[in-house]
Structures are given as structure tokens and as C-alpha cells.
Amino acid sequence: MAGISESRSFIPVRIAVLTVSDTRSLADDKSGQTLADRITEAGHILAARDIVTDDRDNIRDTVLAWSRDKTIDVVITTGGTGFTGRDVTPEALEPIFEKRMDGFSEVFHRISYDKIGTSTIQSRATGGVVNATFVFVLPGSPGACKDAWDGILKAQLDYRHMPCNFVEIMPRLDEHLRRGKSAP
């Protein structure tokens, strides 16, 4: 059964939050602040926080830099997942995913459907792994950030969550890189 195992100790995870917006600043970034607050309230470390414009190169370059930073375990982006001309976050990040996490999108939409009904189809939330770093791409609304954190990420980023969680597999995310060219 899913739940917290009291036999395990909590392990804080280092999480970076990237807001994708042409109009927001840190002072009025409600979605990024929602995530930052939830991350620290859960006992994790807010390793970095920034805002970039809706530009594929800016988004990709920031996430790539954070994915190479050994002090960051997880990157969460918020914004740019819709269908307007400026919404390019999935296009910026999906091509650099080493592994795509289809289940994240499916569970996010299931949770979102219960709150906003069929309007959930207007989001292209996604997730994957980049340079052995989990990357989650969320819509730019505080409600969507709450739903993703409270309904998925809070549990999966808690080592005590059973039957399994992301924290316990983090040390193995780069196995394919360590195997070398001689591996099958």
C-alpha cells in the first residue's frame, strides 16, 4: 500500500525552480513562489530559482546548466506548456530528455481533470530525465503547480514514500552513461 514508511529517514532533495514567462519577475511570480514554498515546507532545499523568457534556447540552456550542476537533483519548470505561439517549454526540453516520463503527464492530467474538467487538455505538462536529473514541466498557474506538487511530486520526492519513489533511484539515473561503449 502507498504511504510513508516510518522506518526510513527523510532525505532532503535539492530542487531548482524555473519560471518561463515574458511578463513575470521574482516579485510577482506566484507559480514559482508556490513551488518554492512547498519545496521548503516539505523539508527540501531550494537550490536555485530563476525566470527566463519564453525562448527555446533560454529555457533549454538554463535547464541543461542546472542538470550538470551537482548541487541540483531536480528541476521543476512552470509556464509555457499551453498552445499559444509563445508556449515553447515542451519543445525546448523534450528533445533533451534522455528518458521521457509519460506517467507524470498522465497522472497530472488525471488530477487536473478532477479540478478543472476537460480544460486539462490545454496543458502539455511533461517530465523526463536530463543528465541524471529529473525535470518536470508544469503549467504556469499556481493551481497547476499545487496540483502537481501536492498530488505527485511531494510523495515521489520523499524517500520514505513506499512502495517506491524517485529519491531511491537517483543514484542510478546515470547507469547508461557509466556502462561505457562496450555495454550491450
N, C-alpha and C. Protein backbone atom coordinates (compact mmCIF):
# COMPACT_ATOMS: atom_id res chain seq x y z
N MET A 1 0.83 -1.18 0.00
CA MET A 1 0.00 0.00 0.00
C MET A 1 0.88 1.25 0.00
N ALA A 2 0.48 2.27 -0.71
CA ALA A 2 1.24 3.51 -0.80
C ALA A 2 1.15 4.29 0.50
N GLY A 3 2.26 4.88 0.88
CA GLY A 3 2.28 5.71 2.08
C GLY A 3 3.69 5.93 2.57
N ILE A 4 3.80 6.62 3.68
CA ILE A 4 5.09 6.96 4.27
C ILE A 4 5.53 5.84 5.21
N SER A 5 6.76 5.37 5.02
CA SER A 5 7.34 4.36 5.89
C SER A 5 8.10 5.05 7.01
N GLU A 6 7.65 4.83 8.22
CA GLU A 6 8.31 5.44 9.38
C GLU A 6 9.67 4.82 9.66
N SER A 7 9.99 3.70 9.01
CA SER A 7 11.29 3.06 9.21
C SER A 7 12.40 3.72 8.40
N ARG A 8 12.04 4.64 7.52
CA ARG A 8 13.02 5.36 6.70
C ARG A 8 13.15 6.79 7.17
N SER A 9 14.34 7.34 7.01
CA SER A 9 14.59 8.74 7.35
C SER A 9 14.34 9.62 6.13
N PHE A 10 13.88 10.83 6.37
CA PHE A 10 13.67 11.80 5.30
C PHE A 10 15.03 12.22 4.74
N ILE A 11 15.12 12.31 3.42
CA ILE A 11 16.34 12.79 2.75
C ILE A 11 15.97 14.03 1.95
N PRO A 12 16.51 15.19 2.31
CA PRO A 12 16.19 16.40 1.53
C PRO A 12 16.77 16.33 0.12
N VAL A 13 16.00 16.79 -0.83
CA VAL A 13 16.39 16.82 -2.23
C VAL A 13 16.64 18.28 -2.61
N ARG A 14 17.62 18.50 -3.49
CA ARG A 14 17.97 19.86 -3.93
C ARG A 14 17.22 20.14 -5.24
N ILE A 15 16.30 21.10 -5.18
CA ILE A 15 15.37 21.34 -6.28
C ILE A 15 15.51 22.78 -6.79
N ALA A 16 15.60 22.92 -8.12
CA ALA A 16 15.64 24.23 -8.77
C ALA A 16 14.29 24.50 -9.42
N VAL A 17 13.85 25.75 -9.36
CA VAL A 17 12.57 26.15 -9.95
C VAL A 17 12.82 27.20 -11.02
N LEU A 18 12.33 26.92 -12.22
CA LEU A 18 12.47 27.85 -13.34
C LEU A 18 11.09 28.27 -13.82
N THR A 19 10.83 29.57 -13.76
CA THR A 19 9.59 30.11 -14.30
C THR A 19 9.86 30.59 -15.72
N VAL A 20 8.98 30.21 -16.63
CA VAL A 20 9.11 30.62 -18.03
C VAL A 20 8.02 31.65 -18.28
N SER A 21 8.44 32.90 -18.50
CA SER A 21 7.46 33.98 -18.69
C SER A 21 8.12 35.21 -19.30
N ASP A 22 7.40 35.87 -20.17
CA ASP A 22 7.85 37.15 -20.73
C ASP A 22 7.44 38.33 -19.86
N THR A 23 6.56 38.08 -18.89
CA THR A 23 5.97 39.19 -18.15
C THR A 23 6.23 39.15 -16.65
N ARG A 24 6.70 38.08 -16.10
CA ARG A 24 6.85 37.95 -14.65
C ARG A 24 8.24 38.35 -14.18
N SER A 25 8.30 38.78 -12.91
CA SER A 25 9.56 39.00 -12.20
C SER A 25 9.47 38.16 -10.93
N LEU A 26 10.56 38.01 -10.22
CA LEU A 26 10.51 37.24 -8.97
C LEU A 26 9.50 37.82 -8.00
N ALA A 27 9.30 39.14 -8.05
CA ALA A 27 8.38 39.80 -7.12
C ALA A 27 6.92 39.41 -7.36
N ASP A 28 6.54 39.10 -8.60
CA ASP A 28 5.13 38.78 -8.87
C ASP A 28 4.94 37.38 -9.48
N ASP A 29 5.91 36.52 -9.28
CA ASP A 29 5.87 35.16 -9.81
C ASP A 29 5.16 34.24 -8.81
N LYS A 30 3.83 34.17 -8.91
CA LYS A 30 3.05 33.37 -7.96
C LYS A 30 3.28 31.87 -8.12
N SER A 31 3.41 31.39 -9.33
CA SER A 31 3.61 29.95 -9.55
C SER A 31 4.97 29.50 -9.03
N GLY A 32 6.02 30.23 -9.36
CA GLY A 32 7.34 29.90 -8.86
C GLY A 32 7.41 29.97 -7.35
N GLN A 33 6.74 30.97 -6.78
CA GLN A 33 6.72 31.11 -5.32
C GLN A 33 5.93 29.97 -4.67
N THR A 34 4.84 29.56 -5.31
CA THR A 34 4.06 28.42 -4.81
C THR A 34 4.95 27.19 -4.70
N LEU A 35 5.71 26.92 -5.75
CA LEU A 35 6.60 25.76 -5.74
C LEU A 35 7.71 25.93 -4.70
N ALA A 36 8.33 27.10 -4.66
CA ALA A 36 9.41 27.35 -3.70
C ALA A 36 8.92 27.14 -2.27
N ASP A 37 7.74 27.65 -1.96
CA ASP A 37 7.18 27.49 -0.61
C ASP A 37 6.93 26.02 -0.29
N ARG A 38 6.35 25.30 -1.22
CA ARG A 38 6.04 23.88 -0.98
C ARG A 38 7.32 23.04 -0.85
N ILE A 39 8.31 23.37 -1.63
CA ILE A 39 9.59 22.65 -1.57
C ILE A 39 10.21 22.80 -0.19
N THR A 40 10.29 24.02 0.29
CA THR A 40 10.94 24.24 1.60
C THR A 40 10.06 23.76 2.74
N GLU A 41 8.75 23.90 2.63
CA GLU A 41 7.85 23.38 3.68
C GLU A 41 7.96 21.87 3.82
N ALA A 42 8.26 21.18 2.71
CA ALA A 42 8.40 19.72 2.75
C ALA A 42 9.76 19.29 3.32
N GLY A 43 10.67 20.26 3.51
CA GLY A 43 11.99 19.95 4.07
C GLY A 43 13.08 19.82 3.03
N HIS A 44 12.76 20.11 1.78
CA HIS A 44 13.76 20.04 0.72
C HIS A 44 14.53 21.36 0.63
N ILE A 45 15.53 21.39 -0.23
CA ILE A 45 16.38 22.56 -0.40
C ILE A 45 16.04 23.22 -1.73
N LEU A 46 15.73 24.51 -1.69
CA LEU A 46 15.54 25.28 -2.91
C LEU A 46 16.94 25.64 -3.40
N ALA A 47 17.44 24.89 -4.36
CA ALA A 47 18.84 25.01 -4.81
C ALA A 47 19.05 26.19 -5.74
N ALA A 48 18.01 26.57 -6.49
CA ALA A 48 18.11 27.69 -7.42
C ALA A 48 16.70 28.09 -7.82
N ARG A 49 16.58 29.35 -8.22
CA ARG A 49 15.30 29.83 -8.73
C ARG A 49 15.59 30.94 -9.71
N ASP A 50 14.92 30.91 -10.86
CA ASP A 50 15.17 31.93 -11.88
C ASP A 50 13.93 32.07 -12.75
N ILE A 51 13.94 33.10 -13.57
CA ILE A 51 12.90 33.34 -14.57
C ILE A 51 13.61 33.55 -15.90
N VAL A 52 13.11 32.89 -16.95
CA VAL A 52 13.60 33.13 -18.31
C VAL A 52 12.41 33.42 -19.21
N THR A 53 12.70 34.08 -20.32
CA THR A 53 11.64 34.39 -21.27
C THR A 53 11.22 33.14 -22.02
N ASP A 54 10.08 33.25 -22.69
CA ASP A 54 9.54 32.14 -23.50
C ASP A 54 10.39 31.98 -24.77
N ASP A 55 11.59 31.51 -24.59
CA ASP A 55 12.52 31.34 -25.69
C ASP A 55 13.17 29.96 -25.55
N ARG A 56 13.08 29.15 -26.58
CA ARG A 56 13.57 27.77 -26.52
C ARG A 56 15.01 27.69 -26.03
N ASP A 57 15.87 28.51 -26.60
CA ASP A 57 17.29 28.46 -26.22
C ASP A 57 17.50 28.82 -24.76
N ASN A 58 16.83 29.88 -24.29
CA ASN A 58 16.97 30.29 -22.88
C ASN A 58 16.50 29.18 -21.93
N ILE A 59 15.37 28.59 -22.25
CA ILE A 59 14.81 27.53 -21.42
C ILE A 59 15.76 26.33 -21.40
N ARG A 60 16.10 25.85 -22.60
CA ARG A 60 16.97 24.68 -22.71
C ARG A 60 18.33 24.91 -22.05
N ASP A 61 18.94 26.07 -22.30
CA ASP A 61 20.27 26.33 -21.76
C ASP A 61 20.26 26.39 -20.22
N THR A 62 19.22 26.97 -19.65
CA THR A 62 19.14 27.03 -18.19
C THR A 62 18.96 25.65 -17.60
N VAL A 63 18.05 24.86 -18.17
CA VAL A 63 17.82 23.50 -17.66
C VAL A 63 19.07 22.64 -17.86
N LEU A 64 19.72 22.75 -18.99
CA LEU A 64 20.96 21.98 -19.20
C LEU A 64 22.03 22.35 -18.18
N ALA A 65 22.20 23.64 -17.94
CA ALA A 65 23.20 24.07 -16.95
C ALA A 65 22.86 23.53 -15.56
N TRP A 66 21.60 23.61 -15.18
CA TRP A 66 21.20 23.10 -13.87
C TRP A 66 21.35 21.58 -13.81
N SER A 67 21.08 20.90 -14.92
CA SER A 67 21.19 19.44 -14.91
C SER A 67 22.65 18.97 -14.78
N ARG A 68 23.57 19.82 -15.13
CA ARG A 68 25.00 19.50 -14.99
C ARG A 68 25.56 19.92 -13.64
N ASP A 69 24.80 20.69 -12.89
CA ASP A 69 25.22 21.19 -11.58
C ASP A 69 25.00 20.09 -10.54
N LYS A 70 26.06 19.63 -9.93
CA LYS A 70 25.98 18.53 -8.96
C LYS A 70 25.24 18.91 -7.68
N THR A 71 24.91 20.20 -7.50
CA THR A 71 24.16 20.61 -6.31
C THR A 71 22.65 20.68 -6.58
N ILE A 72 22.24 20.21 -7.77
CA ILE A 72 20.82 20.20 -8.13
C ILE A 72 20.42 18.78 -8.52
N ASP A 73 19.38 18.26 -7.88
CA ASP A 73 18.87 16.91 -8.15
C ASP A 73 17.66 16.92 -9.06
N VAL A 74 16.84 17.97 -8.97
CA VAL A 74 15.56 18.03 -9.67
C VAL A 74 15.36 19.45 -10.19
N VAL A 75 14.79 19.56 -11.38
CA VAL A 75 14.41 20.86 -11.93
C VAL A 75 12.90 20.82 -12.18
N ILE A 76 12.22 21.86 -11.70
CA ILE A 76 10.78 22.00 -11.97
C ILE A 76 10.60 23.31 -12.71
N THR A 77 9.99 23.24 -13.91
CA THR A 77 9.67 24.47 -14.63
C THR A 77 8.19 24.73 -14.51
N THR A 78 7.82 26.00 -14.61
CA THR A 78 6.42 26.39 -14.61
C THR A 78 6.22 27.44 -15.69
N GLY A 79 5.26 27.17 -16.57
CA GLY A 79 4.95 28.12 -17.64
C GLY A 79 5.34 27.60 -19.00
N GLY A 80 4.61 28.07 -20.01
CA GLY A 80 4.95 27.76 -21.39
C GLY A 80 4.49 26.40 -21.88
N THR A 81 3.45 25.82 -21.24
CA THR A 81 3.00 24.48 -21.65
C THR A 81 1.69 24.50 -22.43
N GLY A 82 1.19 25.67 -22.74
CA GLY A 82 -0.08 25.77 -23.45
C GLY A 82 0.09 25.66 -24.96
N PHE A 83 -0.83 26.27 -25.70
CA PHE A 83 -0.83 26.15 -27.15
C PHE A 83 -0.62 27.47 -27.89
N THR A 84 -0.40 28.55 -27.16
CA THR A 84 -0.20 29.82 -27.86
C THR A 84 1.17 29.85 -28.51
N GLY A 85 1.40 30.83 -29.33
CA GLY A 85 2.65 30.94 -30.06
C GLY A 85 3.88 31.05 -29.18
N ARG A 86 3.74 31.60 -27.98
CA ARG A 86 4.89 31.77 -27.08
C ARG A 86 5.12 30.55 -26.20
N ASP A 87 4.22 29.61 -26.16
CA ASP A 87 4.35 28.42 -25.29
C ASP A 87 5.27 27.40 -25.95
N VAL A 88 6.54 27.38 -25.51
CA VAL A 88 7.54 26.53 -26.16
C VAL A 88 8.34 25.68 -25.17
N THR A 89 7.91 25.60 -23.92
CA THR A 89 8.71 24.85 -22.95
C THR A 89 8.83 23.37 -23.31
N PRO A 90 7.75 22.66 -23.67
CA PRO A 90 7.93 21.26 -24.06
C PRO A 90 8.85 21.11 -25.28
N GLU A 91 8.74 22.01 -26.25
CA GLU A 91 9.60 21.94 -27.43
C GLU A 91 11.07 22.17 -27.07
N ALA A 92 11.30 23.00 -26.06
CA ALA A 92 12.68 23.26 -25.63
C ALA A 92 13.28 22.08 -24.88
N LEU A 93 12.46 21.38 -24.10
CA LEU A 93 13.00 20.38 -23.19
C LEU A 93 12.83 18.93 -23.63
N GLU A 94 11.75 18.59 -24.27
CA GLU A 94 11.57 17.18 -24.66
C GLU A 94 12.70 16.65 -25.54
N PRO A 95 13.26 17.44 -26.46
CA PRO A 95 14.37 16.91 -27.27
C PRO A 95 15.63 16.57 -26.46
N ILE A 96 15.78 17.13 -25.26
CA ILE A 96 16.97 16.82 -24.47
C ILE A 96 16.69 15.76 -23.40
N PHE A 97 15.45 15.28 -23.31
CA PHE A 97 15.15 14.20 -22.38
C PHE A 97 15.89 12.94 -22.82
N GLU A 98 16.64 12.35 -21.91
CA GLU A 98 17.25 11.05 -22.17
C GLU A 98 16.18 9.96 -22.02
N LYS A 99 15.29 10.19 -21.07
CA LYS A 99 14.16 9.30 -20.86
C LYS A 99 12.95 10.18 -20.57
N ARG A 100 11.86 9.86 -21.23
CA ARG A 100 10.62 10.60 -21.04
C ARG A 100 9.76 9.90 -20.00
N MET A 101 9.04 10.67 -19.21
CA MET A 101 8.22 10.14 -18.14
C MET A 101 6.74 10.33 -18.49
N ASP A 102 6.22 9.45 -19.32
CA ASP A 102 4.84 9.58 -19.76
C ASP A 102 3.85 9.52 -18.60
N GLY A 103 4.16 8.71 -17.60
CA GLY A 103 3.26 8.58 -16.45
C GLY A 103 3.05 9.87 -15.70
N PHE A 104 4.06 10.74 -15.68
CA PHE A 104 3.89 12.03 -14.98
C PHE A 104 2.77 12.82 -15.64
N SER A 105 2.82 12.93 -16.96
CA SER A 105 1.78 13.68 -17.67
C SER A 105 0.41 13.06 -17.45
N GLU A 106 0.35 11.74 -17.51
CA GLU A 106 -0.93 11.06 -17.35
C GLU A 106 -1.53 11.28 -15.96
N VAL A 107 -0.71 11.15 -14.93
CA VAL A 107 -1.22 11.35 -13.56
C VAL A 107 -1.57 12.82 -13.34
N PHE A 108 -0.72 13.73 -13.86
CA PHE A 108 -1.03 15.16 -13.73
C PHE A 108 -2.40 15.46 -14.35
N HIS A 109 -2.65 14.94 -15.54
CA HIS A 109 -3.94 15.21 -16.19
C HIS A 109 -5.11 14.57 -15.44
N ARG A 110 -4.87 13.44 -14.82
CA ARG A 110 -5.93 12.80 -14.04
C ARG A 110 -6.31 13.67 -12.84
N ILE A 111 -5.29 14.18 -12.15
CA ILE A 111 -5.54 15.06 -11.01
C ILE A 111 -6.19 16.36 -11.48
N SER A 112 -5.68 16.92 -12.55
CA SER A 112 -6.19 18.17 -13.08
C SER A 112 -7.64 18.02 -13.56
N TYR A 113 -7.97 16.91 -14.17
CA TYR A 113 -9.32 16.68 -14.65
C TYR A 113 -10.34 16.76 -13.51
N ASP A 114 -9.96 16.22 -12.36
CA ASP A 114 -10.86 16.26 -11.21
C ASP A 114 -11.12 17.69 -10.74
N LYS A 115 -10.22 18.61 -11.05
CA LYS A 115 -10.37 20.01 -10.60
C LYS A 115 -10.95 20.91 -11.67
N ILE A 116 -10.46 20.75 -12.93
CA ILE A 116 -10.87 21.69 -13.97
C ILE A 116 -11.54 21.03 -15.17
N GLY A 117 -11.82 19.75 -15.06
CA GLY A 117 -12.51 19.05 -16.14
C GLY A 117 -11.69 18.97 -17.42
N THR A 118 -12.40 19.05 -18.53
CA THR A 118 -11.74 18.88 -19.82
C THR A 118 -10.75 19.99 -20.15
N SER A 119 -10.74 21.07 -19.41
CA SER A 119 -9.76 22.14 -19.65
C SER A 119 -8.32 21.65 -19.45
N THR A 120 -8.16 20.50 -18.79
CA THR A 120 -6.81 19.95 -18.60
C THR A 120 -6.11 19.67 -19.93
N ILE A 121 -6.87 19.44 -21.00
CA ILE A 121 -6.23 19.14 -22.28
C ILE A 121 -5.48 20.34 -22.85
N GLN A 122 -5.66 21.51 -22.25
CA GLN A 122 -4.94 22.69 -22.73
C GLN A 122 -3.53 22.80 -22.14
N SER A 123 -3.11 21.79 -21.40
CA SER A 123 -1.75 21.77 -20.85
C SER A 123 -0.95 20.64 -21.47
N ARG A 124 0.32 20.91 -21.70
CA ARG A 124 1.23 19.89 -22.20
C ARG A 124 2.28 19.59 -21.14
N ALA A 125 1.83 19.41 -19.91
CA ALA A 125 2.75 19.06 -18.81
C ALA A 125 3.49 17.79 -19.19
N THR A 126 4.77 17.74 -18.85
CA THR A 126 5.58 16.59 -19.21
C THR A 126 6.71 16.42 -18.19
N GLY A 127 7.43 15.35 -18.31
CA GLY A 127 8.57 15.12 -17.42
C GLY A 127 9.56 14.18 -18.07
N GLY A 128 10.78 14.23 -17.57
CA GLY A 128 11.82 13.36 -18.10
C GLY A 128 13.09 13.46 -17.29
N VAL A 129 14.13 12.86 -17.82
CA VAL A 129 15.44 12.87 -17.18
C VAL A 129 16.43 13.51 -18.15
N VAL A 130 17.23 14.45 -17.62
CA VAL A 130 18.28 15.12 -18.38
C VAL A 130 19.55 15.08 -17.55
N ASN A 131 20.60 14.48 -18.06
CA ASN A 131 21.87 14.39 -17.34
C ASN A 131 21.68 13.87 -15.91
N ALA A 132 20.93 12.79 -15.79
CA ALA A 132 20.66 12.15 -14.49
C ALA A 132 19.95 13.08 -13.51
N THR A 133 19.18 14.03 -14.04
CA THR A 133 18.41 14.99 -13.23
C THR A 133 16.95 14.89 -13.66
N PHE A 134 16.06 14.72 -12.69
CA PHE A 134 14.64 14.72 -13.02
C PHE A 134 14.22 16.13 -13.42
N VAL A 135 13.42 16.24 -14.48
CA VAL A 135 12.90 17.52 -14.95
C VAL A 135 11.39 17.38 -15.11
N PHE A 136 10.66 18.28 -14.45
CA PHE A 136 9.20 18.28 -14.52
C PHE A 136 8.76 19.61 -15.11
N VAL A 137 7.89 19.57 -16.12
CA VAL A 137 7.45 20.74 -16.87
C VAL A 137 5.98 20.96 -16.55
N LEU A 138 5.70 22.02 -15.79
CA LEU A 138 4.35 22.29 -15.30
C LEU A 138 3.75 23.52 -15.96
N PRO A 139 2.43 23.60 -15.99
CA PRO A 139 1.77 24.82 -16.46
C PRO A 139 2.12 26.01 -15.56
N GLY A 140 1.80 27.19 -16.05
CA GLY A 140 2.17 28.41 -15.34
C GLY A 140 1.15 28.94 -14.36
N SER A 141 0.21 28.14 -13.93
CA SER A 141 -0.75 28.63 -12.95
C SER A 141 -0.42 28.10 -11.56
N PRO A 142 -0.65 28.91 -10.52
CA PRO A 142 -0.40 28.42 -9.16
C PRO A 142 -1.21 27.16 -8.85
N GLY A 143 -2.43 27.07 -9.35
CA GLY A 143 -3.25 25.89 -9.10
C GLY A 143 -2.64 24.63 -9.69
N ALA A 144 -2.12 24.73 -10.90
CA ALA A 144 -1.48 23.57 -11.53
C ALA A 144 -0.21 23.18 -10.77
N CYS A 145 0.53 24.17 -10.28
CA CYS A 145 1.74 23.88 -9.50
C CYS A 145 1.37 23.19 -8.19
N LYS A 146 0.31 23.65 -7.55
CA LYS A 146 -0.17 22.99 -6.33
C LYS A 146 -0.58 21.55 -6.61
N ASP A 147 -1.34 21.35 -7.68
CA ASP A 147 -1.81 20.01 -8.02
C ASP A 147 -0.64 19.07 -8.28
N ALA A 148 0.34 19.52 -9.05
CA ALA A 148 1.49 18.67 -9.38
C ALA A 148 2.32 18.37 -8.13
N TRP A 149 2.57 19.39 -7.31
CA TRP A 149 3.37 19.15 -6.10
C TRP A 149 2.59 18.28 -5.11
N ASP A 150 1.39 18.71 -4.75
CA ASP A 150 0.63 18.01 -3.72
C ASP A 150 0.22 16.60 -4.15
N GLY A 151 -0.11 16.43 -5.43
CA GLY A 151 -0.64 15.16 -5.90
C GLY A 151 0.39 14.17 -6.42
N ILE A 152 1.60 14.65 -6.76
CA ILE A 152 2.60 13.75 -7.35
C ILE A 152 3.97 13.94 -6.72
N LEU A 153 4.51 15.14 -6.86
CA LEU A 153 5.92 15.36 -6.55
C LEU A 153 6.25 15.27 -5.07
N LYS A 154 5.37 15.73 -4.21
CA LYS A 154 5.65 15.66 -2.78
C LYS A 154 5.92 14.23 -2.34
N ALA A 155 5.11 13.30 -2.81
CA ALA A 155 5.29 11.89 -2.44
C ALA A 155 6.49 11.28 -3.16
N GLN A 156 6.61 11.51 -4.45
CA GLN A 156 7.68 10.87 -5.21
C GLN A 156 9.06 11.42 -4.87
N LEU A 157 9.13 12.61 -4.31
CA LEU A 157 10.43 13.18 -3.91
C LEU A 157 10.68 12.98 -2.41
N ASP A 158 9.93 12.09 -1.80
CA ASP A 158 10.12 11.75 -0.38
C ASP A 158 10.62 10.31 -0.30
N TYR A 159 11.83 10.13 0.17
CA TYR A 159 12.46 8.82 0.27
C TYR A 159 11.64 7.84 1.10
N ARG A 160 10.82 8.36 2.00
CA ARG A 160 10.02 7.50 2.87
C ARG A 160 8.78 6.94 2.17
N HIS A 161 8.43 7.49 1.00
CA HIS A 161 7.22 7.07 0.30
C HIS A 161 7.41 5.66 -0.27
N MET A 162 6.47 4.81 0.05
CA MET A 162 6.52 3.42 -0.41
C MET A 162 5.29 3.14 -1.27
N PRO A 163 5.34 2.27 -2.24
CA PRO A 163 6.34 1.23 -2.38
C PRO A 163 7.61 1.68 -3.09
N CYS A 164 7.61 2.84 -3.75
CA CYS A 164 8.83 3.31 -4.40
C CYS A 164 8.74 4.82 -4.56
N ASN A 165 9.87 5.43 -4.88
CA ASN A 165 9.95 6.87 -5.03
C ASN A 165 11.14 7.22 -5.90
N PHE A 166 11.21 8.46 -6.35
CA PHE A 166 12.30 8.90 -7.20
C PHE A 166 13.64 8.99 -6.46
N VAL A 167 13.61 9.32 -5.18
CA VAL A 167 14.85 9.53 -4.43
C VAL A 167 15.70 8.27 -4.40
N GLU A 168 15.08 7.13 -4.22
CA GLU A 168 15.85 5.89 -4.12
C GLU A 168 16.50 5.49 -5.43
N ILE A 169 16.02 6.00 -6.56
CA ILE A 169 16.65 5.65 -7.84
C ILE A 169 17.59 6.73 -8.36
N MET A 170 17.65 7.88 -7.70
CA MET A 170 18.52 8.96 -8.17
C MET A 170 19.97 8.52 -8.38
N PRO A 171 20.56 7.73 -7.49
CA PRO A 171 21.96 7.34 -7.71
C PRO A 171 22.17 6.48 -8.95
N ARG A 172 21.10 5.94 -9.51
CA ARG A 172 21.22 5.04 -10.65
C ARG A 172 20.77 5.66 -11.97
N LEU A 173 20.43 6.94 -11.98
CA LEU A 173 19.91 7.57 -13.20
C LEU A 173 20.95 7.66 -14.31
N ASP A 174 22.24 7.61 -13.95
CA ASP A 174 23.27 7.72 -14.99
C ASP A 174 23.95 6.40 -15.30
N GLU A 175 23.33 5.28 -14.95
CA GLU A 175 23.93 3.96 -15.23
C GLU A 175 24.29 3.78 -16.69
N HIS A 176 23.42 4.25 -17.58
CA HIS A 176 23.68 4.08 -19.01
C HIS A 176 24.93 4.84 -19.43
N LEU A 177 25.24 5.92 -18.75
CA LEU A 177 26.44 6.68 -19.08
C LEU A 177 27.70 6.01 -18.53
N ARG A 178 27.57 5.36 -17.38
CA ARG A 178 28.71 4.72 -16.73
C ARG A 178 29.06 3.37 -17.34
N ARG A 179 28.15 2.76 -18.06
CA ARG A 179 28.39 1.44 -18.65
C ARG A 179 29.45 1.48 -19.74
N GLY A 180 29.57 2.59 -20.40
CA GLY A 180 30.57 2.70 -21.47
C GLY A 180 30.10 2.11 -22.78
N LYS A 181 30.96 2.21 -23.76
CA LYS A 181 30.61 1.78 -25.13
C LYS A 181 30.55 0.28 -25.27
N SER A 182 31.20 -0.47 -24.39
CA SER A 182 31.22 -1.92 -24.53
C SER A 182 29.95 -2.59 -24.03
N ALA A 183 29.10 -1.85 -23.36
CA ALA A 183 27.85 -2.44 -22.84
C ALA A 183 26.89 -2.72 -23.99
N PRO A 184 26.06 -3.75 -23.85
CA PRO A 184 25.11 -4.08 -24.93
C PRO A 184 24.07 -2.98 -25.10
